[in-house]
């Protein structure tokens, strides 16, 4: 920030200034030429850098291979295509437009504030959300320029999605030298982290200060990567924003139970007309178009997310965390007050009897006792009550549970609760932000993904309806995130103090118009949910 101020002063005097920056880098695969960031004069941007070979043909459903070498100098001007995914509705907060999609998608983008290779700046590696079925690292909301300008190297990466990223099948497991299948998307993320270790110093990054951060499915993936033995030495801090429940509750494995990952994979192939257990079945599978694969839909759920495969994840992550068998690094995690008000934005109103059925399905008949905690909200709107309960059970409680597991092992964890209502807009289509024609009214509260633009400090070119309080909060949030990447502690000069999490005090950082520490606002609700969950065991 000081460099920016000095540059602005010199420019005001009428001098021509060219900020010192890295604009050409030789990676192990070849040389790339970057460009100055349009958002920050002292940040260089390299887009579309390959970190692995295209996972096509015989490499489909295999661990990623090293990037293909080349001899020319490539202009790193455009982000690579998104990994294959279905197109979603334009009438959604989460609309992504008509993305350029390809299986040749294992690329990343680098935003560096380093003036030269010796800078050794902290590195922040971002894994996007989207249920592990949608999204891409090149979305404009994830432009890392403003975050990098604080003195970091920011990396945003793609990874394989949906069945192309998470299909497990006995034939795939049999051909694997690790007797594993299914976690190809996680393996892509690990390959990106290996690429960072091998190349990021050339961009001015510090290989001993690598922070992984992600949101929703990306937050879950960050949690699982922390639990994986394959990331030993690759990560030094972790930030999980609204981590999905699999972070600490993932149990789906290759073989166990009638609904095993292998069983799902067999059903998925059958849905595409492929049966049998011969190599010819795999050969036929690898000849299908990616569109045929991602448009196949099973009524009981596609193979679309991480599993306990015995290799990437040797056991259920909750067991690994409980026993202390994980990468012991500092963690920041948290959730938003109104997560499901965005995820279930179009849900119609329900009857109280429908809410009763929902609670009974999750907790059994004793689940109805939970209604007393939410009665005021139920009286106003049963669907709003259900959304709030779903958020408490899911993202809010998952973040809390993860922090409790870490603090029980004397590892530093910092928990936040984001409660600032956010303008409603198309997060990933900046050219068409106004979703409802209301200028970005805050009708969904602090909804799922609403904090992303604050994280990257991009309010000046993403979204609509921002106010001065949002600008203030964005500066604080991005400063916390950067400080954590730099030192493992979010605190710094001029910032409200953020205490490390302790399960006895249950203090968290409230991210709102007033940023402060307080007892978790959902503590009482989660305590009763904990009791009901214990009865179901």
Protein backbone atom coordinates (compact mmCIF):
# COMPACT_ATOMS: atom_id res chain seq x y z
CA UNK A 1 0.00 0.00 0.00
CA UNK A 2 2.95 2.32 0.69
CA UNK A 3 4.33 1.67 -2.79
CA UNK A 4 0.97 2.66 -4.26
CA UNK A 5 0.97 5.92 -2.30
CA UNK A 6 4.52 6.79 -3.41
CA UNK A 7 3.69 6.05 -7.03
CA UNK A 8 0.56 8.19 -6.86
CA UNK A 9 2.59 11.08 -5.43
CA UNK A 10 5.19 10.88 -8.20
CA UNK A 11 2.50 10.70 -10.88
CA UNK A 12 0.88 13.79 -9.38
CA UNK A 13 4.18 15.60 -9.92
CA UNK A 14 3.92 14.82 -13.61
CA UNK A 15 6.59 12.13 -13.78
CA UNK A 16 6.15 9.01 -15.87
CA UNK A 17 6.37 5.93 -13.70
CA UNK A 18 6.76 2.28 -14.64
CA UNK A 19 6.37 0.06 -11.59
CA UNK A 20 9.09 -2.53 -11.17
CA UNK A 21 7.46 -5.91 -11.74
CA UNK A 22 7.95 -9.41 -13.07
CA UNK A 23 6.60 -9.67 -16.63
CA UNK A 24 8.37 -12.75 -17.98
CA UNK A 25 8.88 -16.02 -16.14
CA UNK A 26 10.45 -19.32 -17.07
CA UNK A 27 8.53 -22.23 -15.55
CA UNK A 28 9.69 -25.83 -15.71
CA UNK A 29 7.42 -26.33 -18.73
CA UNK A 30 8.39 -23.14 -20.61
CA UNK A 31 8.43 -19.34 -20.57
CA UNK A 32 5.36 -17.16 -20.09
CA UNK A 33 4.97 -13.42 -20.62
CA UNK A 34 2.51 -11.71 -18.33
CA UNK A 35 0.84 -8.29 -18.34
CA UNK A 36 0.44 -5.48 -15.82
CA UNK A 37 -2.82 -5.77 -13.91
CA UNK A 38 -5.58 -3.40 -14.97
CA UNK A 39 -6.56 -3.05 -11.29
CA UNK A 40 -3.21 -2.45 -9.60
CA UNK A 41 -0.18 -0.82 -11.23
CA UNK A 42 2.37 -2.83 -9.27
CA UNK A 43 0.85 -6.28 -9.85
CA UNK A 44 1.66 -8.55 -12.79
CA UNK A 45 -0.83 -11.11 -14.07
CA UNK A 46 -0.15 -14.41 -15.81
CA UNK A 47 -3.31 -16.16 -16.99
CA UNK A 48 -3.88 -19.61 -18.44
CA UNK A 49 -0.64 -21.18 -17.18
CA UNK A 50 -0.75 -24.98 -17.54
CA UNK A 51 0.08 -26.83 -14.32
CA UNK A 52 -0.64 -30.32 -15.69
CA UNK A 53 -1.09 -32.12 -18.98
CA UNK A 54 -4.59 -32.15 -20.51
CA UNK A 55 -6.46 -35.07 -18.84
CA UNK A 56 -7.86 -36.39 -22.11
CA UNK A 57 -7.89 -39.73 -23.91
CA UNK A 58 -6.02 -42.33 -21.87
CA UNK A 59 -5.37 -39.68 -19.16
CA UNK A 60 -9.07 -39.25 -18.45
CA UNK A 61 -9.78 -40.55 -14.91
CA UNK A 62 -6.12 -40.80 -14.04
CA UNK A 63 -3.96 -38.71 -11.72
CA UNK A 64 -2.70 -35.59 -13.50
CA UNK A 65 0.59 -35.75 -15.39
CA UNK A 66 3.17 -32.91 -15.50
CA UNK A 67 2.51 -30.03 -17.88
CA UNK A 68 3.72 -30.51 -21.46
CA UNK A 69 6.92 -28.60 -22.17
CA UNK A 70 7.17 -26.00 -24.95
CA UNK A 71 9.99 -23.94 -26.47
CA UNK A 72 8.35 -20.65 -27.49
CA UNK A 73 7.36 -17.76 -25.21
CA UNK A 74 3.62 -17.82 -24.50
CA UNK A 75 1.63 -14.68 -23.83
CA UNK A 76 -0.31 -15.42 -20.62
CA UNK A 77 -3.12 -13.03 -21.49
CA UNK A 78 -6.30 -15.08 -21.11
CA UNK A 79 -7.52 -17.54 -18.48
CA UNK A 80 -7.84 -21.11 -19.67
CA UNK A 81 -11.24 -22.66 -20.36
CA UNK A 82 -13.42 -23.91 -17.54
CA UNK A 83 -13.46 -27.63 -16.87
CA UNK A 84 -16.52 -29.38 -18.31
CA UNK A 85 -19.75 -28.58 -16.48
CA UNK A 86 -23.42 -28.10 -17.18
CA UNK A 87 -24.67 -24.62 -18.05
CA UNK A 88 -26.81 -23.17 -15.27
CA UNK A 89 -29.68 -20.70 -15.37
CA UNK A 90 -29.06 -17.02 -16.07
CA UNK A 91 -31.77 -16.20 -13.52
CA UNK A 92 -29.61 -17.09 -10.56
CA UNK A 93 -27.17 -15.41 -8.24
CA UNK A 94 -24.80 -18.19 -9.30
CA UNK A 95 -25.27 -17.80 -13.09
CA UNK A 96 -22.00 -18.32 -14.93
CA UNK A 97 -23.06 -17.51 -18.48
CA UNK A 98 -22.00 -19.45 -21.52
CA UNK A 99 -18.55 -20.58 -20.42
CA UNK A 100 -15.84 -21.79 -22.74
CA UNK A 101 -15.51 -25.40 -21.52
CA UNK A 102 -12.89 -28.02 -22.25
CA UNK A 103 -11.25 -31.10 -20.80
CA UNK A 104 -7.96 -29.33 -21.46
CA UNK A 105 -8.62 -27.13 -18.44
CA UNK A 106 -5.85 -27.73 -15.90
CA UNK A 107 -4.56 -24.17 -15.86
CA UNK A 108 -4.03 -21.51 -13.23
CA UNK A 109 -3.65 -17.74 -13.00
CA UNK A 110 -0.92 -15.93 -11.08
CA UNK A 111 -1.17 -12.40 -9.64
CA UNK A 112 2.13 -11.22 -8.19
CA UNK A 113 3.16 -8.02 -6.45
CA UNK A 114 6.82 -9.06 -6.49
CA UNK A 115 9.31 -6.69 -8.09
CA UNK A 116 11.75 -9.55 -8.65
CA UNK A 117 12.29 -13.23 -7.90
CA UNK A 118 13.91 -12.55 -4.53
CA UNK A 119 10.77 -11.05 -2.95
CA UNK A 120 9.61 -14.26 -1.21
CA UNK A 121 6.04 -13.06 -0.79
CA UNK A 122 3.37 -15.23 0.87
CA UNK A 123 1.45 -17.36 -1.61
CA UNK A 124 -2.34 -17.76 -1.59
CA UNK A 125 -3.78 -20.59 -3.72
CA UNK A 126 -7.53 -20.36 -4.38
CA UNK A 127 -9.89 -23.28 -5.13
CA UNK A 128 -13.34 -22.13 -6.27
CA UNK A 129 -16.67 -23.45 -5.07
CA UNK A 130 -19.63 -24.81 -7.02
CA UNK A 131 -20.49 -28.20 -5.44
CA UNK A 132 -17.43 -29.69 -7.17
CA UNK A 133 -19.57 -29.66 -10.33
CA UNK A 134 -19.37 -26.06 -11.56
CA UNK A 135 -17.14 -22.98 -11.47
CA UNK A 136 -13.66 -21.98 -12.63
CA UNK A 137 -10.65 -20.14 -11.28
CA UNK A 138 -10.73 -17.52 -14.03
CA UNK A 139 -13.96 -15.82 -12.94
CA UNK A 140 -13.50 -12.05 -12.64
CA UNK A 141 -14.70 -12.04 -9.05
CA UNK A 142 -11.53 -14.06 -8.28
CA UNK A 143 -9.17 -11.52 -9.86
CA UNK A 144 -6.38 -11.57 -7.30
CA UNK A 145 -4.84 -8.18 -8.12
CA UNK A 146 -6.14 -6.22 -5.12
CA UNK A 147 -5.34 -9.04 -2.71
CA UNK A 148 -1.86 -9.46 -4.22
CA UNK A 149 -1.22 -5.71 -4.04
CA UNK A 150 -1.05 -6.06 -0.25
CA UNK A 151 2.20 -7.97 -0.78
CA UNK A 152 1.30 -11.49 -1.91
CA UNK A 153 1.31 -13.89 -4.84
CA UNK A 154 -2.25 -15.09 -5.51
CA UNK A 155 -2.93 -18.22 -7.57
CA UNK A 156 -6.41 -19.27 -8.77
CA UNK A 157 -6.69 -22.78 -10.19
CA UNK A 158 -9.09 -25.01 -12.12
CA UNK A 159 -9.73 -28.65 -11.28
CA UNK A 160 -11.80 -31.42 -12.86
CA UNK A 161 -15.47 -31.36 -11.89
CA UNK A 162 -18.48 -33.65 -11.65
CA UNK A 163 -18.13 -37.21 -12.97
CA UNK A 164 -14.99 -36.23 -14.91
CA UNK A 165 -13.39 -35.24 -11.62
CA UNK A 166 -14.90 -37.64 -9.10
CA UNK A 167 -16.03 -40.91 -10.75
CA UNK A 168 -15.03 -44.02 -8.83
CA UNK A 169 -15.43 -47.47 -10.42
CA UNK A 170 -13.94 -50.94 -9.77
CA UNK A 171 -12.27 -50.90 -13.21
CA UNK A 172 -10.62 -47.56 -12.52
CA UNK A 173 -9.48 -48.75 -9.11
CA UNK A 174 -8.07 -51.96 -10.61
CA UNK A 175 -5.90 -50.08 -13.11
CA UNK A 176 -4.59 -47.67 -10.44
CA UNK A 177 -1.20 -48.41 -8.91
CA UNK A 178 -2.62 -46.92 -5.70
CA UNK A 179 -5.78 -49.09 -5.75
CA UNK A 180 -7.82 -45.90 -5.78
CA UNK A 181 -10.28 -44.02 -7.95
CA UNK A 182 -12.63 -41.08 -7.60
CA UNK A 183 -10.65 -38.14 -6.24
CA UNK A 184 -9.22 -36.79 -9.51
CA UNK A 185 -10.39 -33.25 -8.75
CA UNK A 186 -8.49 -33.29 -5.44
CA UNK A 187 -5.46 -34.73 -7.22
CA UNK A 188 -5.61 -31.80 -9.65
CA UNK A 189 -5.53 -29.41 -6.69
CA UNK A 190 -2.54 -31.27 -5.27
CA UNK A 191 -0.85 -31.04 -8.68
CA UNK A 192 -1.41 -27.27 -8.62
CA UNK A 193 0.26 -27.15 -5.20
CA UNK A 194 3.21 -29.16 -6.49
CA UNK A 195 3.45 -26.74 -9.41
CA UNK A 196 3.59 -23.92 -6.85
CA UNK A 197 6.48 -25.60 -5.03
CA UNK A 198 8.39 -26.04 -8.29
CA UNK A 199 7.70 -22.68 -9.91
CA UNK A 200 6.31 -19.96 -7.64
CA UNK A 201 9.71 -18.64 -6.53
CA UNK A 202 10.18 -17.41 -10.10
CA UNK A 203 7.08 -15.25 -9.56
CA UNK A 204 8.51 -13.90 -6.28
CA UNK A 205 6.63 -16.31 -4.04
CA UNK A 206 7.73 -18.06 -0.86
CA UNK A 207 7.38 -21.85 -1.04
CA UNK A 208 7.43 -22.02 2.77
CA UNK A 209 4.36 -19.78 3.17
CA UNK A 210 1.66 -21.32 1.00
CA UNK A 211 -1.95 -20.76 2.07
CA UNK A 212 -4.74 -22.72 0.45
CA UNK A 213 -8.15 -21.04 0.55
CA UNK A 214 -11.50 -21.89 -0.94
CA UNK A 215 -15.24 -21.47 -0.49
CA UNK A 216 -18.16 -23.91 -0.27
CA UNK A 217 -17.01 -27.07 -2.09
CA UNK A 218 -13.64 -25.33 -2.40
CA UNK A 219 -13.67 -24.81 1.37
CA UNK A 220 -14.46 -28.48 1.88
CA UNK A 221 -11.65 -29.41 -0.49
CA UNK A 222 -9.24 -27.21 1.49
CA UNK A 223 -10.26 -29.08 4.65
CA UNK A 224 -9.77 -32.46 2.95
CA UNK A 225 -6.40 -31.44 1.50
CA UNK A 226 -5.32 -30.53 5.02
CA UNK A 227 -6.27 -34.08 6.09
CA UNK A 228 -4.51 -35.74 3.14
CA UNK A 229 -1.01 -37.19 3.57
CA UNK A 230 -0.30 -36.24 -0.06
CA UNK A 231 -0.09 -32.53 0.83
CA UNK A 232 2.64 -32.88 3.47
CA UNK A 233 5.05 -29.97 2.97
CA UNK A 234 2.85 -28.35 0.32
CA UNK A 235 0.63 -26.20 2.57
CA UNK A 236 1.36 -23.98 5.57
CA UNK A 237 -2.03 -22.39 6.32
CA UNK A 238 -5.62 -23.09 5.30
CA UNK A 239 -8.76 -20.96 4.95
CA UNK A 240 -12.12 -22.70 4.52
CA UNK A 241 -14.96 -20.32 3.71
CA UNK A 242 -18.39 -21.93 4.25
CA UNK A 243 -16.90 -25.44 4.03
CA UNK A 244 -19.40 -28.10 2.94
CA UNK A 245 -20.30 -30.88 5.37
CA UNK A 246 -17.84 -33.37 3.88
CA UNK A 247 -15.06 -31.44 5.60
CA UNK A 248 -15.67 -33.40 8.80
CA UNK A 249 -18.56 -35.72 7.87
CA UNK A 250 -17.36 -37.37 4.67
CA UNK A 251 -17.71 -41.16 4.99
CA UNK A 252 -18.52 -42.40 1.48
CA UNK A 253 -15.84 -44.94 0.59
CA UNK A 254 -14.99 -47.22 -2.32
CA UNK A 255 -16.45 -50.44 -0.96
CA UNK A 256 -18.36 -50.05 2.29
CA UNK A 257 -22.16 -50.31 2.18
CA UNK A 258 -24.68 -50.76 -0.60
CA UNK A 259 -24.27 -47.09 -1.52
CA UNK A 260 -20.49 -47.24 -1.91
CA UNK A 261 -18.59 -45.10 -4.40
CA UNK A 262 -17.95 -48.19 -6.52
CA UNK A 263 -21.68 -49.03 -6.53
CA UNK A 264 -22.53 -45.49 -7.61
CA UNK A 265 -19.92 -45.68 -10.35
CA UNK A 266 -21.35 -48.94 -11.69
CA UNK A 267 -24.85 -47.41 -11.77
CA UNK A 268 -23.50 -44.32 -13.51
CA UNK A 269 -21.89 -46.35 -16.29
CA UNK A 270 -25.06 -48.39 -16.68
CA UNK A 271 -27.01 -45.14 -17.09
CA UNK A 272 -24.76 -44.44 -20.08
CA UNK A 273 -25.32 -47.94 -21.48
CA UNK A 274 -21.98 -49.36 -20.36
CA UNK A 275 -21.91 -52.68 -18.51
CA UNK A 276 -19.30 -55.32 -17.86
CA UNK A 277 -15.95 -55.53 -16.14
CA UNK A 278 -13.54 -55.79 -19.06
CA UNK A 279 -10.97 -53.28 -20.31
CA UNK A 280 -13.29 -52.72 -23.27
CA UNK A 281 -15.78 -51.06 -20.93
CA UNK A 282 -13.20 -48.51 -19.81
CA UNK A 283 -12.08 -47.95 -23.39
CA UNK A 284 -15.68 -47.23 -24.40
CA UNK A 285 -16.10 -44.89 -21.42
CA UNK A 286 -13.04 -42.90 -22.44
CA UNK A 287 -14.39 -42.49 -25.94
CA UNK A 288 -17.61 -40.81 -24.80
CA UNK A 289 -17.84 -37.07 -25.28
CA UNK A 290 -17.57 -34.95 -22.12
CA UNK A 291 -21.07 -33.61 -22.80
CA UNK A 292 -22.51 -37.14 -22.80
CA UNK A 293 -20.88 -37.75 -19.44
CA UNK A 294 -21.88 -34.57 -17.63
CA UNK A 295 -25.47 -34.61 -18.93
CA UNK A 296 -26.11 -38.13 -17.63
CA UNK A 297 -28.28 -37.78 -14.54
CA UNK A 298 -29.08 -40.46 -11.99
CA UNK A 299 -32.09 -40.13 -9.73
CA UNK A 300 -30.09 -41.13 -6.65
CA UNK A 301 -27.17 -38.80 -7.32
CA UNK A 302 -24.19 -38.66 -9.65
CA UNK A 303 -20.61 -39.32 -8.52
CA UNK A 304 -19.85 -35.62 -8.03
CA UNK A 305 -17.60 -35.17 -5.03
CA UNK A 306 -14.70 -36.44 -2.91
CA UNK A 307 -14.69 -39.86 -1.29
CA UNK A 308 -12.61 -41.79 1.21
CA UNK A 309 -10.47 -43.63 -1.34
CA UNK A 310 -7.72 -45.08 0.86
CA UNK A 311 -5.00 -43.00 -0.81
CA UNK A 312 -5.78 -39.31 -1.10
CA UNK A 313 -7.95 -39.76 1.99
CA UNK A 314 -6.87 -42.88 3.89
CA UNK A 315 -9.82 -42.63 6.29
CA UNK A 316 -12.82 -40.47 7.08
CA UNK A 317 -11.45 -36.96 7.70
CA UNK A 318 -13.14 -36.69 11.11
CA UNK A 319 -11.11 -39.70 12.27
CA UNK A 320 -7.86 -38.24 10.92
CA UNK A 321 -8.51 -34.88 12.60
CA UNK A 322 -9.55 -36.51 15.89
CA UNK A 323 -6.33 -38.57 16.00
CA UNK A 324 -4.13 -35.65 14.95
CA UNK A 325 -3.11 -37.39 11.72
CA UNK A 326 -3.21 -34.38 9.41
CA UNK A 327 -1.11 -31.41 8.33
CA UNK A 328 -0.86 -29.28 11.46
CA UNK A 329 -1.24 -25.77 10.08
CA UNK A 330 -3.22 -22.71 11.26
CA UNK A 331 -6.79 -22.46 9.96
CA UNK A 332 -9.36 -19.73 9.38
CA UNK A 333 -12.94 -20.81 8.78
CA UNK A 334 -16.51 -19.63 9.11
CA UNK A 335 -19.86 -19.17 7.47
CA UNK A 336 -22.57 -16.66 6.65
CA UNK A 337 -25.75 -15.92 8.55
CA UNK A 338 -28.13 -16.70 5.68
CA UNK A 339 -26.34 -19.33 3.57
CA UNK A 340 -29.41 -21.12 2.20
CA UNK A 341 -31.30 -17.95 1.37
CA UNK A 342 -29.09 -17.81 -1.71
CA UNK A 343 -28.80 -21.54 -2.38
CA UNK A 344 -32.59 -22.01 -2.21
CA UNK A 345 -33.55 -18.56 -3.43
CA UNK A 346 -36.46 -19.73 -5.59
CA UNK A 347 -37.92 -22.23 -3.11
CA UNK A 348 -41.67 -21.89 -2.69
CA UNK A 349 -43.26 -21.42 0.71
CA UNK A 350 -43.98 -24.66 2.58
CA UNK A 351 -46.40 -25.74 5.29
CA UNK A 352 -45.27 -26.31 8.85
CA UNK A 353 -46.03 -30.00 8.26
CA UNK A 354 -43.39 -29.98 5.51
CA UNK A 355 -40.87 -28.55 7.96
CA UNK A 356 -41.82 -31.31 10.41
CA UNK A 357 -41.11 -33.91 7.75
CA UNK A 358 -37.72 -32.29 7.03
CA UNK A 359 -36.67 -32.36 10.69
CA UNK A 360 -37.92 -35.92 11.17
CA UNK A 361 -36.00 -37.09 8.10
CA UNK A 362 -32.77 -35.67 9.53
CA UNK A 363 -33.09 -36.37 13.25
CA UNK A 364 -35.99 -38.80 13.67
CA UNK A 365 -39.10 -37.94 15.70
CA UNK A 366 -37.01 -36.09 18.31
CA UNK A 367 -36.09 -33.57 15.63
CA UNK A 368 -39.42 -31.82 16.17
CA UNK A 369 -38.09 -30.54 19.51
CA UNK A 370 -35.81 -28.23 17.55
CA UNK A 371 -38.79 -26.20 16.38
CA UNK A 372 -39.04 -24.29 19.65
CA UNK A 373 -35.70 -22.58 18.95
CA UNK A 374 -36.94 -21.30 15.59
CA UNK A 375 -40.61 -20.72 16.45
CA UNK A 376 -40.64 -16.98 15.76
CA UNK A 377 -39.21 -17.59 12.30
CA UNK A 378 -41.57 -20.52 11.69
CA UNK A 379 -44.53 -18.28 12.47
CA UNK A 380 -43.34 -15.81 9.82
CA UNK A 381 -42.26 -18.31 7.14
CA UNK A 382 -41.67 -22.07 7.46
CA UNK A 383 -39.41 -22.07 4.39
CA UNK A 384 -37.25 -19.32 5.90
CA UNK A 385 -37.00 -21.38 9.09
CA UNK A 386 -35.96 -24.43 7.08
CA UNK A 387 -33.29 -22.43 5.24
CA UNK A 388 -31.91 -21.11 8.52
CA UNK A 389 -31.88 -24.57 10.10
CA UNK A 390 -30.14 -25.99 7.01
CA UNK A 391 -27.46 -23.31 7.30
CA UNK A 392 -26.93 -24.03 10.99
CA UNK A 393 -26.73 -27.80 10.41
CA UNK A 394 -24.50 -27.45 7.37
CA UNK A 395 -21.96 -24.69 6.83
CA UNK A 396 -22.08 -22.98 10.24
CA UNK A 397 -21.78 -26.17 12.28
CA UNK A 398 -19.18 -27.68 9.92
CA UNK A 399 -16.86 -24.71 10.36
CA UNK A 400 -17.38 -24.82 14.14
CA UNK A 401 -16.71 -28.57 14.28
CA UNK A 402 -13.54 -28.27 12.22
CA UNK A 403 -12.25 -25.55 14.54
CA UNK A 404 -13.09 -27.65 17.60
CA UNK A 405 -11.15 -30.62 16.24
CA UNK A 406 -8.13 -28.43 15.57
CA UNK A 407 -8.19 -26.61 18.89
CA UNK A 408 -8.43 -29.95 20.70
CA UNK A 409 -5.04 -30.72 19.14
CA UNK A 410 -3.65 -27.31 20.17
CA UNK A 411 -3.64 -26.00 16.60
CA UNK A 412 -4.58 -22.38 16.00
CA UNK A 413 -8.01 -21.83 14.47
CA UNK A 414 -9.81 -18.54 13.82
CA UNK A 415 -13.58 -18.65 13.26
CA UNK A 416 -15.73 -15.92 11.72
CA UNK A 417 -19.44 -15.28 11.29
CA UNK A 418 -20.26 -13.05 8.32
CA UNK A 419 -23.60 -11.34 8.93
CA UNK A 420 -23.52 -8.24 6.71
CA UNK A 421 -26.46 -8.42 4.24
CA UNK A 422 -25.01 -8.37 0.71
CA UNK A 423 -26.52 -6.84 -2.44
CA UNK A 424 -28.07 -9.51 -4.64
CA UNK A 425 -26.40 -9.69 -8.05
CA UNK A 426 -24.99 -12.19 -10.56
CA UNK A 427 -21.70 -12.96 -8.85
CA UNK A 428 -19.98 -14.41 -11.89
CA UNK A 429 -21.41 -12.31 -14.73
CA UNK A 430 -20.10 -8.79 -14.07
CA UNK A 431 -21.46 -7.49 -17.36
CA UNK A 432 -25.02 -8.29 -16.17
CA UNK A 433 -25.02 -7.80 -12.39
CA UNK A 434 -28.60 -6.63 -11.84
CA UNK A 435 -30.45 -9.91 -11.30
CA UNK A 436 -33.85 -8.62 -10.22
CA UNK A 437 -33.90 -5.14 -11.72
CA UNK A 438 -33.81 -3.62 -8.24
CA UNK A 439 -30.26 -2.28 -8.24
CA UNK A 440 -28.97 -4.96 -5.91
CA UNK A 441 -31.39 -4.87 -2.99
CA UNK A 442 -30.18 -6.88 0.01
CA UNK A 443 -33.15 -9.24 -0.06
CA UNK A 444 -31.27 -12.48 0.73
CA UNK A 445 -29.33 -11.34 3.78
CA UNK A 446 -25.77 -12.64 4.14
CA UNK A 447 -26.22 -15.32 1.52
CA UNK A 448 -23.93 -18.15 0.40
CA UNK A 449 -20.97 -16.79 -1.63
CA UNK A 450 -21.86 -13.20 -0.75
CA UNK A 451 -18.50 -12.71 0.99
CA UNK A 452 -16.38 -13.61 -2.06
CA UNK A 453 -16.12 -10.10 -3.45
CA UNK A 454 -15.04 -8.85 -0.01
CA UNK A 455 -12.38 -11.57 0.24
CA UNK A 456 -10.73 -10.42 -2.99
CA UNK A 457 -11.45 -6.71 -2.28
CA UNK A 458 -13.12 -6.34 -5.69
CA UNK A 459 -16.15 -4.20 -4.87
CA UNK A 460 -14.99 -1.50 -7.28
CA UNK A 461 -15.62 -3.63 -10.36
CA UNK A 462 -17.90 -6.51 -9.30
CA UNK A 463 -21.55 -6.19 -8.27
CA UNK A 464 -23.86 -3.25 -7.60
CA UNK A 465 -25.43 -1.41 -4.69
CA UNK A 466 -22.30 -1.09 -2.56
CA UNK A 467 -22.14 1.38 0.32
CA UNK A 468 -19.27 2.88 2.30
CA UNK A 469 -19.77 0.25 5.03
CA UNK A 470 -19.18 -2.45 2.43
CA UNK A 471 -15.96 -0.78 1.29
CA UNK A 472 -14.77 -0.62 4.88
CA UNK A 473 -15.63 -4.26 5.52
CA UNK A 474 -13.96 -5.37 2.28
CA UNK A 475 -10.71 -3.69 3.31
CA UNK A 476 -10.79 -5.36 6.72
CA UNK A 477 -11.66 -8.82 5.39
CA UNK A 478 -8.95 -8.74 2.71
CA UNK A 479 -6.44 -7.46 5.28
CA UNK A 480 -7.33 -10.31 7.65
CA UNK A 481 -6.93 -12.86 4.86
CA UNK A 482 -3.58 -11.41 3.75
CA UNK A 483 -2.23 -11.16 7.29
CA UNK A 484 -3.14 -14.78 7.89
CA UNK A 485 -1.32 -15.83 4.71
CA UNK A 486 1.70 -13.81 5.78
CA UNK A 487 2.01 -15.00 9.38
CA UNK A 488 -0.67 -17.56 10.26
CA UNK A 489 -2.50 -14.94 12.33
CA UNK A 490 -5.15 -12.58 10.87
CA UNK A 491 -4.42 -9.75 13.30
CA UNK A 492 -2.48 -6.64 12.36
CA UNK A 493 -2.14 -2.91 13.05
CA UNK A 494 -5.42 -1.02 12.86
CA UNK A 495 -7.61 -4.13 12.74
CA UNK A 496 -10.13 -5.20 15.40
CA UNK A 497 -8.57 -7.97 17.48
CA UNK A 498 -9.56 -11.49 16.41
CA UNK A 499 -8.98 -14.09 19.14
CA UNK A 500 -8.03 -17.66 18.35
CA UNK A 501 -10.92 -20.08 18.73
CA UNK A 502 -11.42 -21.89 22.00
CA UNK A 503 -14.37 -24.26 22.36
CA UNK A 504 -14.97 -23.25 25.97
CA UNK A 505 -15.42 -19.56 25.20
CA UNK A 506 -16.68 -20.09 21.63
CA UNK A 507 -15.55 -16.59 20.59
CA UNK A 508 -15.70 -15.78 16.89
CA UNK A 509 -15.13 -12.70 14.76
CA UNK A 510 -18.34 -11.00 13.62
CA UNK A 511 -17.85 -9.59 10.11
CA UNK A 512 -20.47 -6.88 9.68
CA UNK A 513 -20.80 -3.11 9.75
CA UNK A 514 -19.14 -3.37 13.15
CA UNK A 515 -16.30 -5.89 13.15
CA UNK A 516 -15.91 -7.36 16.62
CA UNK A 517 -15.36 -10.54 18.59
CA UNK A 518 -18.29 -12.17 20.39
CA UNK A 519 -19.68 -15.52 21.46
CA UNK A 520 -20.84 -17.33 18.31
CA UNK A 521 -24.39 -16.03 17.62
CA UNK A 522 -25.54 -19.55 16.69
CA UNK A 523 -24.02 -21.31 19.72
CA UNK A 524 -27.30 -22.22 21.40
CA UNK A 525 -28.85 -23.50 18.19
CA UNK A 526 -25.81 -25.65 17.39
CA UNK A 527 -25.72 -27.09 20.91
CA UNK A 528 -29.25 -28.42 20.49
CA UNK A 529 -28.45 -29.71 17.00
CA UNK A 530 -25.40 -31.47 18.48
CA UNK A 531 -27.63 -33.17 21.06
CA UNK A 532 -30.10 -34.34 18.41
CA UNK A 533 -27.29 -35.59 16.17
CA UNK A 534 -25.85 -37.57 19.08
CA UNK A 535 -29.21 -39.32 19.53
CA UNK A 536 -29.08 -40.47 15.88
CA UNK A 537 -25.69 -42.19 16.30
